[in-house]
């Protein structure tokens, strides 16, 4: 069963990685760069500040916690445990892999840190903002980023799917932790929620 999954994953990878062109090489390289999405991060932060007001000061701690947890989990609990070689480091597949700008990345691929981090952020933000349009757009964006990792030859589809699941789960767990903190200590605190102070 595991051998069949591995072969299917490799075949799907070669199919996606094989759909390349000079134009899409540049697009996918750009999509996969973290700095491209800084305006999106700032937009999300601005929206959260508007919603949560002073409570955003505490929310920011949870955002930092989320980024650290998703990144460290993908590396220390997955990559360094499973040690699955990236397609471009796999001796059998390497000659068939199309790399953009010769970039291969670190040695191990499972799970994709990009997918784990981005799906963690997407899930956390979607649960906090609760806007249908935003949720659809943010998940389309992070799915595109995940796809770009396969296109660029640095991850198998299974790496991205697993990273998406792990990231989404961690985003949901950190959200539950923040929500409980918010309900217990922030919502009714006149400093963190001035609306309640005005009602008094």
N, C-alpha and C. Protein backbone atom coordinates (compact mmCIF):
# COMPACT_ATOMS: atom_id res chain seq x y z
N UNK A 1 0.83 -1.21 0.00
CA UNK A 1 0.00 0.00 0.00
C UNK A 1 0.87 1.26 0.00
N UNK A 2 1.86 1.29 0.90
CA UNK A 2 2.75 2.44 0.98
C UNK A 2 3.56 2.61 -0.30
N UNK A 3 3.95 1.48 -0.89
CA UNK A 3 4.71 1.53 -2.14
C UNK A 3 3.85 2.10 -3.27
N UNK A 4 2.57 1.73 -3.27
CA UNK A 4 1.65 2.24 -4.29
C UNK A 4 1.45 3.75 -4.14
N UNK A 5 1.30 4.20 -2.89
CA UNK A 5 1.15 5.63 -2.61
C UNK A 5 2.39 6.41 -3.05
N UNK A 6 3.54 5.83 -2.77
CA UNK A 6 4.81 6.47 -3.13
C UNK A 6 4.93 6.61 -4.65
N UNK A 7 4.59 5.55 -5.37
CA UNK A 7 4.68 5.58 -6.83
C UNK A 7 3.67 6.56 -7.42
N UNK A 8 2.47 6.58 -6.85
CA UNK A 8 1.43 7.52 -7.31
C UNK A 8 1.87 8.95 -7.08
N UNK A 9 2.44 9.20 -5.91
CA UNK A 9 2.93 10.54 -5.56
C UNK A 9 4.02 10.99 -6.52
N UNK A 10 4.94 10.09 -6.82
CA UNK A 10 6.03 10.41 -7.74
C UNK A 10 5.52 10.66 -9.15
N UNK A 11 4.56 9.85 -9.59
CA UNK A 11 4.00 10.01 -10.94
C UNK A 11 3.27 11.34 -11.07
N UNK A 12 2.51 11.70 -10.03
CA UNK A 12 1.78 12.97 -10.05
C UNK A 12 2.75 14.14 -10.02
N UNK A 13 3.82 13.98 -9.24
CA UNK A 13 4.85 15.02 -9.20
C UNK A 13 5.46 15.26 -10.58
N UNK A 14 5.86 14.18 -11.25
CA UNK A 14 6.47 14.30 -12.57
C UNK A 14 5.52 14.92 -13.58
N UNK A 15 4.23 14.62 -13.43
CA UNK A 15 3.23 15.20 -14.32
C UNK A 15 3.13 16.71 -14.14
N UNK A 16 3.00 17.14 -12.88
CA UNK A 16 2.87 18.57 -12.58
C UNK A 16 4.17 19.31 -12.89
N UNK A 17 5.28 18.75 -12.46
CA UNK A 17 6.58 19.37 -12.69
C UNK A 17 6.92 19.45 -14.18
N UNK A 18 6.32 18.54 -14.96
CA UNK A 18 6.58 18.52 -16.39
C UNK A 18 5.81 19.57 -17.17
N UNK A 19 4.79 20.17 -16.55
CA UNK A 19 4.01 21.22 -17.21
C UNK A 19 4.71 22.56 -17.02
N UNK A 20 5.83 22.74 -17.63
CA UNK A 20 6.57 23.98 -17.40
C UNK A 20 6.81 24.75 -18.68
N UNK A 21 7.03 26.02 -18.51
CA UNK A 21 7.35 26.92 -19.63
C UNK A 21 8.11 28.09 -19.04
N UNK A 22 8.87 28.84 -19.85
CA UNK A 22 9.61 29.99 -19.32
C UNK A 22 8.72 30.99 -18.59
N UNK A 23 7.51 31.20 -19.11
CA UNK A 23 6.60 32.15 -18.46
C UNK A 23 6.18 31.67 -17.09
N UNK A 24 5.71 30.40 -17.01
CA UNK A 24 5.24 29.88 -15.73
C UNK A 24 6.37 29.64 -14.75
N UNK A 25 7.58 29.42 -15.26
CA UNK A 25 8.73 29.33 -14.37
C UNK A 25 8.87 30.62 -13.56
N UNK A 26 8.75 31.74 -14.22
CA UNK A 26 8.89 33.03 -13.55
C UNK A 26 7.73 33.30 -12.60
N UNK A 27 6.51 32.95 -13.05
CA UNK A 27 5.32 33.17 -12.22
C UNK A 27 5.39 32.34 -10.95
N UNK A 28 5.69 31.05 -11.09
CA UNK A 28 5.72 30.15 -9.93
C UNK A 28 6.87 30.48 -8.99
N UNK A 29 7.98 30.92 -9.55
CA UNK A 29 9.11 31.35 -8.70
C UNK A 29 8.69 32.53 -7.84
N UNK A 30 7.98 33.47 -8.47
CA UNK A 30 7.50 34.65 -7.76
C UNK A 30 6.47 34.28 -6.70
N UNK A 31 5.54 33.41 -7.07
CA UNK A 31 4.48 32.98 -6.13
C UNK A 31 5.08 32.33 -4.90
N UNK A 32 6.18 31.62 -5.08
CA UNK A 32 6.79 30.87 -3.99
C UNK A 32 7.68 31.71 -3.08
N UNK A 33 7.96 32.96 -3.48
CA UNK A 33 8.78 33.83 -2.63
C UNK A 33 7.93 34.44 -1.52
N UNK A 34 8.46 34.45 -0.31
CA UNK A 34 7.69 34.91 0.85
C UNK A 34 7.43 36.41 0.83
N UNK A 35 8.36 37.20 0.31
CA UNK A 35 8.21 38.65 0.37
C UNK A 35 7.06 39.14 -0.50
N UNK A 36 6.67 38.36 -1.52
CA UNK A 36 5.57 38.76 -2.40
C UNK A 36 4.27 38.96 -1.62
N UNK A 37 4.12 38.19 -0.55
CA UNK A 37 2.86 38.16 0.19
C UNK A 37 2.86 39.09 1.40
N UNK A 38 3.89 39.91 1.55
CA UNK A 38 3.93 40.86 2.67
C UNK A 38 2.72 41.79 2.66
N UNK A 39 2.31 42.36 1.51
CA UNK A 39 1.10 43.20 1.50
C UNK A 39 -0.14 42.45 2.01
N UNK A 40 -0.24 41.15 1.68
CA UNK A 40 -1.36 40.35 2.15
C UNK A 40 -1.32 40.21 3.67
N UNK A 41 -0.12 39.96 4.22
CA UNK A 41 0.02 39.84 5.67
C UNK A 41 -0.38 41.15 6.36
N UNK A 42 0.06 42.27 5.80
CA UNK A 42 -0.26 43.57 6.37
C UNK A 42 -1.77 43.85 6.30
N UNK A 43 -2.38 43.44 5.20
CA UNK A 43 -3.83 43.60 5.05
C UNK A 43 -4.58 42.81 6.11
N UNK A 44 -4.15 41.56 6.32
CA UNK A 44 -4.79 40.72 7.34
C UNK A 44 -4.60 41.32 8.73
N UNK A 45 -3.39 41.78 9.03
CA UNK A 45 -3.11 42.38 10.33
C UNK A 45 -3.97 43.62 10.55
N UNK A 46 -4.12 44.43 9.49
CA UNK A 46 -4.94 45.63 9.59
C UNK A 46 -6.40 45.29 9.87
N UNK A 47 -6.90 44.26 9.22
CA UNK A 47 -8.29 43.82 9.42
C UNK A 47 -8.48 43.32 10.85
N UNK A 48 -7.49 42.56 11.34
CA UNK A 48 -7.58 42.03 12.70
C UNK A 48 -7.52 43.14 13.74
N UNK A 49 -6.70 44.17 13.49
CA UNK A 49 -6.64 45.32 14.40
C UNK A 49 -8.00 46.00 14.46
N UNK A 50 -8.65 46.14 13.32
CA UNK A 50 -9.97 46.77 13.25
C UNK A 50 -11.00 45.97 14.04
N UNK A 51 -10.93 44.64 13.94
CA UNK A 51 -11.90 43.78 14.62
C UNK A 51 -11.64 43.69 16.12
N UNK A 52 -10.37 43.51 16.48
CA UNK A 52 -10.05 43.19 17.87
C UNK A 52 -9.53 44.36 18.70
N UNK A 53 -9.28 45.49 18.06
CA UNK A 53 -8.89 46.69 18.80
C UNK A 53 -7.70 46.40 19.70
N UNK A 54 -7.79 46.74 20.98
CA UNK A 54 -6.66 46.53 21.90
C UNK A 54 -6.38 45.04 22.14
N UNK A 55 -7.38 44.21 21.93
CA UNK A 55 -7.17 42.77 22.11
C UNK A 55 -6.18 42.23 21.10
N UNK A 56 -5.92 43.02 20.06
CA UNK A 56 -4.94 42.60 19.05
C UNK A 56 -3.55 42.48 19.66
N UNK A 57 -3.27 43.24 20.72
CA UNK A 57 -1.96 43.15 21.38
C UNK A 57 -1.70 41.74 21.88
N UNK A 58 -2.76 41.09 22.42
CA UNK A 58 -2.63 39.71 22.88
C UNK A 58 -2.70 38.76 21.69
N UNK A 59 -3.56 39.08 20.73
CA UNK A 59 -3.68 38.26 19.53
C UNK A 59 -2.34 38.14 18.81
N UNK A 60 -1.57 39.21 18.81
CA UNK A 60 -0.27 39.22 18.14
C UNK A 60 0.66 38.15 18.73
N UNK A 61 0.55 37.92 20.03
CA UNK A 61 1.35 36.88 20.68
C UNK A 61 0.99 35.51 20.10
N UNK A 62 -0.30 35.29 19.88
CA UNK A 62 -0.76 34.02 19.33
C UNK A 62 -0.36 33.87 17.86
N UNK A 63 -0.30 34.98 17.13
CA UNK A 63 0.14 34.95 15.74
C UNK A 63 1.61 34.52 15.67
N UNK A 64 2.42 35.12 16.54
CA UNK A 64 3.85 34.76 16.60
C UNK A 64 3.99 33.30 17.00
N UNK A 65 3.19 32.87 17.98
CA UNK A 65 3.21 31.47 18.43
C UNK A 65 2.87 30.54 17.27
N UNK A 66 1.86 30.91 16.49
CA UNK A 66 1.45 30.09 15.35
C UNK A 66 2.58 29.93 14.34
N UNK A 67 3.24 31.04 14.00
CA UNK A 67 4.32 31.00 13.02
C UNK A 67 5.46 30.11 13.51
N UNK A 68 5.80 30.23 14.77
CA UNK A 68 6.89 29.43 15.35
C UNK A 68 6.50 27.95 15.38
N UNK A 69 5.28 27.66 15.83
CA UNK A 69 4.84 26.27 15.97
C UNK A 69 4.74 25.58 14.61
N UNK A 70 4.16 26.23 13.61
CA UNK A 70 4.02 25.60 12.29
C UNK A 70 5.40 25.35 11.67
N UNK A 71 6.28 26.33 11.79
CA UNK A 71 7.60 26.19 11.18
C UNK A 71 8.42 25.09 11.87
N UNK A 72 8.45 25.12 13.19
CA UNK A 72 9.25 24.15 13.93
C UNK A 72 8.67 22.74 13.84
N UNK A 73 7.35 22.63 13.81
CA UNK A 73 6.71 21.33 13.68
C UNK A 73 7.04 20.69 12.35
N UNK A 74 6.97 21.48 11.27
CA UNK A 74 7.25 20.93 9.94
C UNK A 74 8.68 20.43 9.82
N UNK A 75 9.59 21.08 10.53
CA UNK A 75 11.01 20.69 10.44
C UNK A 75 11.35 19.57 11.42
N UNK A 76 11.08 19.79 12.70
CA UNK A 76 11.57 18.87 13.73
C UNK A 76 10.69 17.64 13.94
N UNK A 77 9.39 17.75 13.70
CA UNK A 77 8.51 16.59 13.90
C UNK A 77 8.21 15.83 12.61
N UNK A 78 8.61 16.41 11.49
CA UNK A 78 8.34 15.73 10.22
C UNK A 78 9.60 15.55 9.37
N UNK A 79 10.18 16.66 8.89
CA UNK A 79 11.34 16.54 8.01
C UNK A 79 12.46 15.72 8.63
N UNK A 80 12.81 16.03 9.88
CA UNK A 80 13.94 15.36 10.51
C UNK A 80 13.59 13.97 11.01
N UNK A 81 12.28 13.65 11.05
CA UNK A 81 11.85 12.32 11.49
C UNK A 81 11.69 11.38 10.30
N UNK A 82 10.97 11.83 9.27
CA UNK A 82 10.70 10.97 8.11
C UNK A 82 11.86 10.96 7.11
N UNK A 83 12.59 12.07 7.03
CA UNK A 83 13.77 12.17 6.16
C UNK A 83 13.50 11.73 4.72
N UNK A 84 12.41 12.17 4.20
CA UNK A 84 12.09 11.87 2.79
C UNK A 84 12.85 12.87 1.91
N UNK A 85 13.64 12.36 1.00
CA UNK A 85 14.43 13.24 0.14
C UNK A 85 13.55 14.05 -0.80
N UNK A 86 13.94 15.29 -1.03
CA UNK A 86 13.25 16.10 -2.02
C UNK A 86 13.38 15.42 -3.38
N UNK A 87 12.43 15.67 -4.29
CA UNK A 87 12.52 15.08 -5.63
C UNK A 87 13.87 15.38 -6.29
N UNK A 88 14.36 16.60 -6.10
CA UNK A 88 15.61 17.01 -6.73
C UNK A 88 16.84 16.40 -6.07
N UNK A 89 16.65 15.76 -4.90
CA UNK A 89 17.75 15.07 -4.23
C UNK A 89 17.63 13.55 -4.37
N UNK A 90 16.52 13.12 -4.94
CA UNK A 90 16.29 11.70 -5.15
C UNK A 90 17.07 11.24 -6.38
N UNK A 91 17.99 10.30 -6.20
CA UNK A 91 18.88 9.89 -7.28
C UNK A 91 18.13 9.38 -8.51
N UNK A 92 17.00 8.70 -8.27
CA UNK A 92 16.22 8.14 -9.37
C UNK A 92 15.48 9.22 -10.14
N UNK A 93 14.91 10.19 -9.40
CA UNK A 93 14.08 11.22 -10.02
C UNK A 93 14.86 12.45 -10.47
N UNK A 94 15.94 12.74 -9.81
CA UNK A 94 16.69 13.99 -10.06
C UNK A 94 16.92 14.31 -11.54
N UNK A 95 17.32 13.31 -12.37
CA UNK A 95 17.56 13.62 -13.79
C UNK A 95 16.30 14.08 -14.54
N UNK A 96 15.12 13.74 -13.99
CA UNK A 96 13.85 14.07 -14.65
C UNK A 96 13.21 15.34 -14.10
N UNK A 97 13.79 15.88 -13.02
CA UNK A 97 13.18 17.03 -12.35
C UNK A 97 13.56 18.33 -13.04
N UNK A 98 12.54 19.15 -13.29
CA UNK A 98 12.78 20.48 -13.85
C UNK A 98 12.90 21.47 -12.70
N UNK A 99 14.08 22.05 -12.53
CA UNK A 99 14.31 23.04 -11.48
C UNK A 99 14.35 24.43 -12.09
N UNK A 100 13.82 25.39 -11.36
CA UNK A 100 13.86 26.79 -11.80
C UNK A 100 15.02 27.48 -11.11
N UNK A 101 15.89 28.10 -11.88
CA UNK A 101 17.06 28.81 -11.38
C UNK A 101 18.00 27.89 -10.58
N UNK A 102 17.90 26.59 -10.86
CA UNK A 102 18.78 25.63 -10.21
C UNK A 102 18.55 25.46 -8.72
N UNK A 103 17.43 25.97 -8.21
CA UNK A 103 17.17 25.91 -6.77
C UNK A 103 16.50 24.60 -6.38
N UNK A 104 17.10 23.91 -5.42
CA UNK A 104 16.55 22.64 -4.96
C UNK A 104 16.07 22.72 -3.51
N UNK A 105 16.75 23.48 -2.68
CA UNK A 105 16.34 23.59 -1.28
C UNK A 105 17.05 22.58 -0.40
N UNK A 106 16.57 22.46 0.84
CA UNK A 106 17.17 21.54 1.80
C UNK A 106 17.03 20.09 1.38
N UNK A 107 17.59 19.20 2.18
CA UNK A 107 17.66 17.79 1.81
C UNK A 107 16.30 17.10 1.87
N UNK A 108 15.50 17.41 2.89
CA UNK A 108 14.26 16.66 3.11
C UNK A 108 13.02 17.46 2.72
N UNK A 109 11.95 16.71 2.40
CA UNK A 109 10.77 17.37 1.83
C UNK A 109 9.48 17.16 2.59
N UNK A 110 9.37 16.15 3.43
CA UNK A 110 8.09 15.82 4.07
C UNK A 110 8.08 16.29 5.53
N UNK A 111 7.24 17.28 5.84
CA UNK A 111 6.21 17.91 5.02
C UNK A 111 6.73 19.24 4.45
N UNK A 112 5.95 19.83 3.55
CA UNK A 112 6.32 21.14 3.02
C UNK A 112 6.13 22.22 4.08
N UNK A 113 7.20 22.91 4.43
CA UNK A 113 7.11 23.99 5.42
C UNK A 113 6.28 25.15 4.86
N UNK A 114 6.42 25.42 3.56
CA UNK A 114 5.61 26.46 2.94
C UNK A 114 4.12 26.18 3.15
N UNK A 115 3.71 24.94 2.84
CA UNK A 115 2.31 24.56 2.97
C UNK A 115 1.86 24.60 4.43
N UNK A 116 2.69 24.10 5.32
CA UNK A 116 2.34 24.09 6.75
C UNK A 116 2.16 25.51 7.27
N UNK A 117 3.12 26.37 6.97
CA UNK A 117 3.05 27.76 7.45
C UNK A 117 1.86 28.51 6.85
N UNK A 118 1.68 28.41 5.54
CA UNK A 118 0.65 29.19 4.86
C UNK A 118 -0.76 28.71 5.20
N UNK A 119 -0.96 27.40 5.28
CA UNK A 119 -2.28 26.89 5.64
C UNK A 119 -2.59 27.15 7.11
N UNK A 120 -1.54 27.18 7.95
CA UNK A 120 -1.75 27.54 9.35
C UNK A 120 -2.24 28.97 9.46
N UNK A 121 -1.58 29.88 8.74
CA UNK A 121 -1.98 31.29 8.74
C UNK A 121 -3.37 31.46 8.16
N UNK A 122 -3.64 30.77 7.04
CA UNK A 122 -4.94 30.89 6.37
C UNK A 122 -6.07 30.44 7.28
N UNK A 123 -5.89 29.30 7.93
CA UNK A 123 -6.93 28.76 8.81
C UNK A 123 -7.16 29.67 10.01
N UNK A 124 -6.08 30.10 10.63
CA UNK A 124 -6.16 30.99 11.80
C UNK A 124 -6.87 32.29 11.43
N UNK A 125 -6.46 32.90 10.31
CA UNK A 125 -7.05 34.17 9.88
C UNK A 125 -8.52 34.01 9.50
N UNK A 126 -8.83 32.92 8.80
CA UNK A 126 -10.21 32.68 8.37
C UNK A 126 -11.14 32.52 9.58
N UNK A 127 -10.67 31.81 10.60
CA UNK A 127 -11.48 31.60 11.80
C UNK A 127 -11.66 32.90 12.61
N UNK A 128 -10.65 33.77 12.55
CA UNK A 128 -10.74 35.04 13.28
C UNK A 128 -11.62 36.05 12.55
N UNK A 129 -11.48 36.13 11.24
CA UNK A 129 -12.18 37.15 10.46
C UNK A 129 -13.60 36.73 10.10
N UNK A 130 -13.76 35.45 9.79
CA UNK A 130 -15.07 34.87 9.48
C UNK A 130 -15.81 35.65 8.39
N UNK A 131 -15.16 35.79 7.26
CA UNK A 131 -15.74 36.42 6.08
C UNK A 131 -15.62 35.42 4.93
N UNK A 132 -16.74 35.05 4.33
CA UNK A 132 -16.74 33.99 3.32
C UNK A 132 -15.83 34.32 2.14
N UNK A 133 -15.93 35.53 1.62
CA UNK A 133 -15.11 35.92 0.47
C UNK A 133 -13.63 35.84 0.80
N UNK A 134 -13.27 36.37 1.97
CA UNK A 134 -11.88 36.34 2.41
C UNK A 134 -11.40 34.90 2.53
N UNK A 135 -12.22 34.03 3.12
CA UNK A 135 -11.85 32.63 3.31
C UNK A 135 -11.57 31.94 1.99
N UNK A 136 -12.43 32.15 1.01
CA UNK A 136 -12.24 31.54 -0.31
C UNK A 136 -10.95 32.04 -0.96
N UNK A 137 -10.75 33.36 -0.91
CA UNK A 137 -9.57 33.95 -1.55
C UNK A 137 -8.27 33.48 -0.88
N UNK A 138 -8.25 33.48 0.45
CA UNK A 138 -7.03 33.12 1.16
C UNK A 138 -6.66 31.65 0.93
N UNK A 139 -7.67 30.78 0.85
CA UNK A 139 -7.38 29.37 0.60
C UNK A 139 -6.96 29.12 -0.85
N UNK A 140 -7.49 29.90 -1.78
CA UNK A 140 -7.04 29.81 -3.17
C UNK A 140 -5.58 30.22 -3.29
N UNK A 141 -5.21 31.28 -2.56
CA UNK A 141 -3.84 31.77 -2.59
C UNK A 141 -2.87 30.73 -2.03
N UNK A 142 -3.18 30.18 -0.86
CA UNK A 142 -2.24 29.24 -0.24
C UNK A 142 -2.19 27.91 -1.01
N UNK A 143 -3.29 27.56 -1.66
CA UNK A 143 -3.28 26.36 -2.51
C UNK A 143 -2.37 26.59 -3.71
N UNK A 144 -2.43 27.78 -4.26
CA UNK A 144 -1.56 28.15 -5.38
C UNK A 144 -0.09 28.09 -4.96
N UNK A 145 0.19 28.59 -3.77
CA UNK A 145 1.56 28.55 -3.25
C UNK A 145 2.02 27.10 -3.11
N UNK A 146 1.13 26.25 -2.57
CA UNK A 146 1.46 24.83 -2.43
C UNK A 146 1.74 24.18 -3.77
N UNK A 147 0.92 24.51 -4.76
CA UNK A 147 1.10 23.97 -6.11
C UNK A 147 2.45 24.42 -6.69
N UNK A 148 2.82 25.66 -6.40
CA UNK A 148 4.08 26.19 -6.94
C UNK A 148 5.28 25.40 -6.43
N UNK A 149 5.17 24.84 -5.23
CA UNK A 149 6.29 24.07 -4.67
C UNK A 149 6.50 22.77 -5.45
N UNK A 150 5.38 22.21 -5.94
CA UNK A 150 5.48 20.99 -6.77
C UNK A 150 6.02 21.36 -8.14
N UNK A 151 5.47 22.43 -8.71
CA UNK A 151 5.89 22.90 -10.03
C UNK A 151 7.40 23.16 -10.05
N UNK A 152 7.90 23.77 -8.99
CA UNK A 152 9.32 24.15 -8.92
C UNK A 152 10.24 22.96 -8.68
N UNK A 153 9.67 21.80 -8.42
CA UNK A 153 10.47 20.59 -8.29
C UNK A 153 11.05 20.33 -6.92
N UNK A 154 10.55 21.04 -5.90
CA UNK A 154 11.14 20.91 -4.56
C UNK A 154 10.27 20.09 -3.59
N UNK A 155 9.05 19.77 -4.01
CA UNK A 155 8.17 18.97 -3.15
C UNK A 155 7.30 18.03 -3.95
N UNK A 156 6.99 16.88 -3.36
CA UNK A 156 6.00 15.97 -3.92
C UNK A 156 4.61 16.47 -3.55
N UNK A 157 3.58 16.09 -4.31
CA UNK A 157 2.21 16.47 -3.94
C UNK A 157 1.85 16.04 -2.51
N UNK A 158 2.31 14.84 -2.12
CA UNK A 158 2.02 14.36 -0.76
C UNK A 158 2.61 15.25 0.31
N UNK A 159 3.77 15.84 0.04
CA UNK A 159 4.39 16.77 1.00
C UNK A 159 3.50 17.98 1.23
N UNK A 160 2.93 18.48 0.13
CA UNK A 160 2.10 19.69 0.20
C UNK A 160 0.77 19.39 0.87
N UNK A 161 0.15 18.27 0.50
CA UNK A 161 -1.14 17.90 1.10
C UNK A 161 -0.98 17.67 2.60
N UNK A 162 0.05 16.93 2.98
CA UNK A 162 0.30 16.67 4.40
C UNK A 162 0.59 17.97 5.14
N UNK A 163 1.39 18.85 4.53
CA UNK A 163 1.69 20.14 5.14
C UNK A 163 0.44 20.98 5.32
N UNK A 164 -0.46 20.92 4.33
CA UNK A 164 -1.72 21.67 4.41
C UNK A 164 -2.57 21.16 5.57
N UNK A 165 -2.62 19.85 5.75
CA UNK A 165 -3.40 19.26 6.84
C UNK A 165 -2.81 19.63 8.20
N UNK A 166 -1.49 19.46 8.32
CA UNK A 166 -0.81 19.78 9.59
C UNK A 166 -0.98 21.27 9.91
N UNK A 167 -0.75 22.13 8.91
CA UNK A 167 -0.87 23.57 9.13
C UNK A 167 -2.27 23.99 9.52
N UNK A 168 -3.27 23.43 8.83
CA UNK A 168 -4.66 23.75 9.13
C UNK A 168 -5.03 23.32 10.55
N UNK A 169 -4.56 22.14 10.93
CA UNK A 169 -4.83 21.64 12.29
C UNK A 169 -4.19 22.54 13.34
N UNK A 170 -2.95 22.93 13.11
CA UNK A 170 -2.26 23.81 14.07
C UNK A 170 -2.91 25.19 14.12
N UNK A 171 -3.34 25.70 12.95
CA UNK A 171 -4.03 26.99 12.92
C UNK A 171 -5.31 26.94 13.72
N UNK A 172 -6.04 25.82 13.60
CA UNK A 172 -7.29 25.63 14.34
C UNK A 172 -7.04 25.52 15.84
N UNK A 173 -6.01 24.78 16.23
CA UNK A 173 -5.69 24.61 17.66
C UNK A 173 -5.27 25.93 18.30
N UNK A 174 -4.43 26.70 17.61
CA UNK A 174 -4.01 28.00 18.15
C UNK A 174 -5.19 28.95 18.22
N UNK A 175 -6.11 28.85 17.26
CA UNK A 175 -7.33 29.67 17.31
C UNK A 175 -8.16 29.31 18.54
N UNK A 176 -8.33 28.03 18.82
CA UNK A 176 -9.09 27.61 20.00
C UNK A 176 -8.44 28.14 21.28
N UNK A 177 -7.12 28.12 21.31
CA UNK A 177 -6.39 28.62 22.47
C UNK A 177 -6.61 30.12 22.64
N UNK A 178 -6.56 30.87 21.53
CA UNK A 178 -6.82 32.31 21.61
C UNK A 178 -8.26 32.58 22.00
N UNK A 179 -9.20 31.86 21.41
CA UNK A 179 -10.62 32.09 21.70
C UNK A 179 -10.91 31.88 23.18
N UNK A 180 -10.31 30.84 23.77
CA UNK A 180 -10.52 30.58 25.19
C UNK A 180 -9.91 31.70 26.04
N UNK A 181 -8.73 32.16 25.64
CA UNK A 181 -8.10 33.29 26.34
C UNK A 181 -8.95 34.54 26.23
N UNK A 182 -9.47 34.78 25.04
CA UNK A 182 -10.31 35.95 24.79
C UNK A 182 -11.57 35.92 25.64
N UNK A 183 -12.21 34.77 25.71
CA UNK A 183 -13.47 34.64 26.47
C UNK A 183 -13.25 34.78 27.97
N UNK A 184 -12.14 34.22 28.45
CA UNK A 184 -11.90 34.21 29.89
C UNK A 184 -11.38 35.54 30.43
N UNK A 185 -10.46 36.19 29.65
CA UNK A 185 -9.76 37.34 30.22
C UNK A 185 -9.85 38.65 29.43
N UNK A 186 -10.16 38.59 28.15
CA UNK A 186 -10.09 39.81 27.34
C UNK A 186 -11.44 40.46 27.06
N UNK A 187 -12.43 39.65 26.72
CA UNK A 187 -13.72 40.20 26.29
C UNK A 187 -14.34 41.14 27.32
N UNK A 188 -14.21 40.81 28.58
CA UNK A 188 -14.85 41.58 29.64
C UNK A 188 -13.89 42.49 30.40
N UNK A 189 -12.67 42.58 29.88
CA UNK A 189 -11.68 43.47 30.49
C UNK A 189 -11.82 44.86 29.86
N UNK A 190 -12.13 45.89 30.64
CA UNK A 190 -12.37 47.23 30.09
C UNK A 190 -11.18 47.82 29.33
N UNK A 191 -9.96 47.36 29.64
CA UNK A 191 -8.81 47.88 28.91
C UNK A 191 -8.74 47.27 27.51
N UNK A 192 -8.88 45.95 27.45
CA UNK A 192 -8.76 45.26 26.17
C UNK A 192 -10.02 45.35 25.33
N UNK A 193 -11.14 45.65 25.96
CA UNK A 193 -12.39 45.78 25.21
C UNK A 193 -13.12 47.04 25.68
N UNK A 194 -12.75 48.20 25.15
CA UNK A 194 -13.33 49.48 25.57
C UNK A 194 -14.85 49.55 25.41
N UNK A 195 -15.42 48.72 24.55
CA UNK A 195 -16.88 48.72 24.32
C UNK A 195 -17.58 48.37 25.61
N UNK A 196 -17.04 47.36 26.33
CA UNK A 196 -17.64 46.97 27.59
C UNK A 196 -17.53 48.07 28.63
N UNK A 197 -16.45 48.83 28.58
CA UNK A 197 -16.25 49.94 29.52
C UNK A 197 -17.30 51.01 29.29
N UNK A 198 -17.61 51.28 28.00
CA UNK A 198 -18.61 52.29 27.68
C UNK A 198 -19.98 51.87 28.14
N UNK A 199 -20.26 50.54 28.07
CA UNK A 199 -21.58 50.05 28.48
C UNK A 199 -21.81 50.23 29.97
N UNK A 200 -20.70 50.21 30.73
CA UNK A 200 -20.81 50.41 32.19
C UNK A 200 -21.16 51.85 32.52
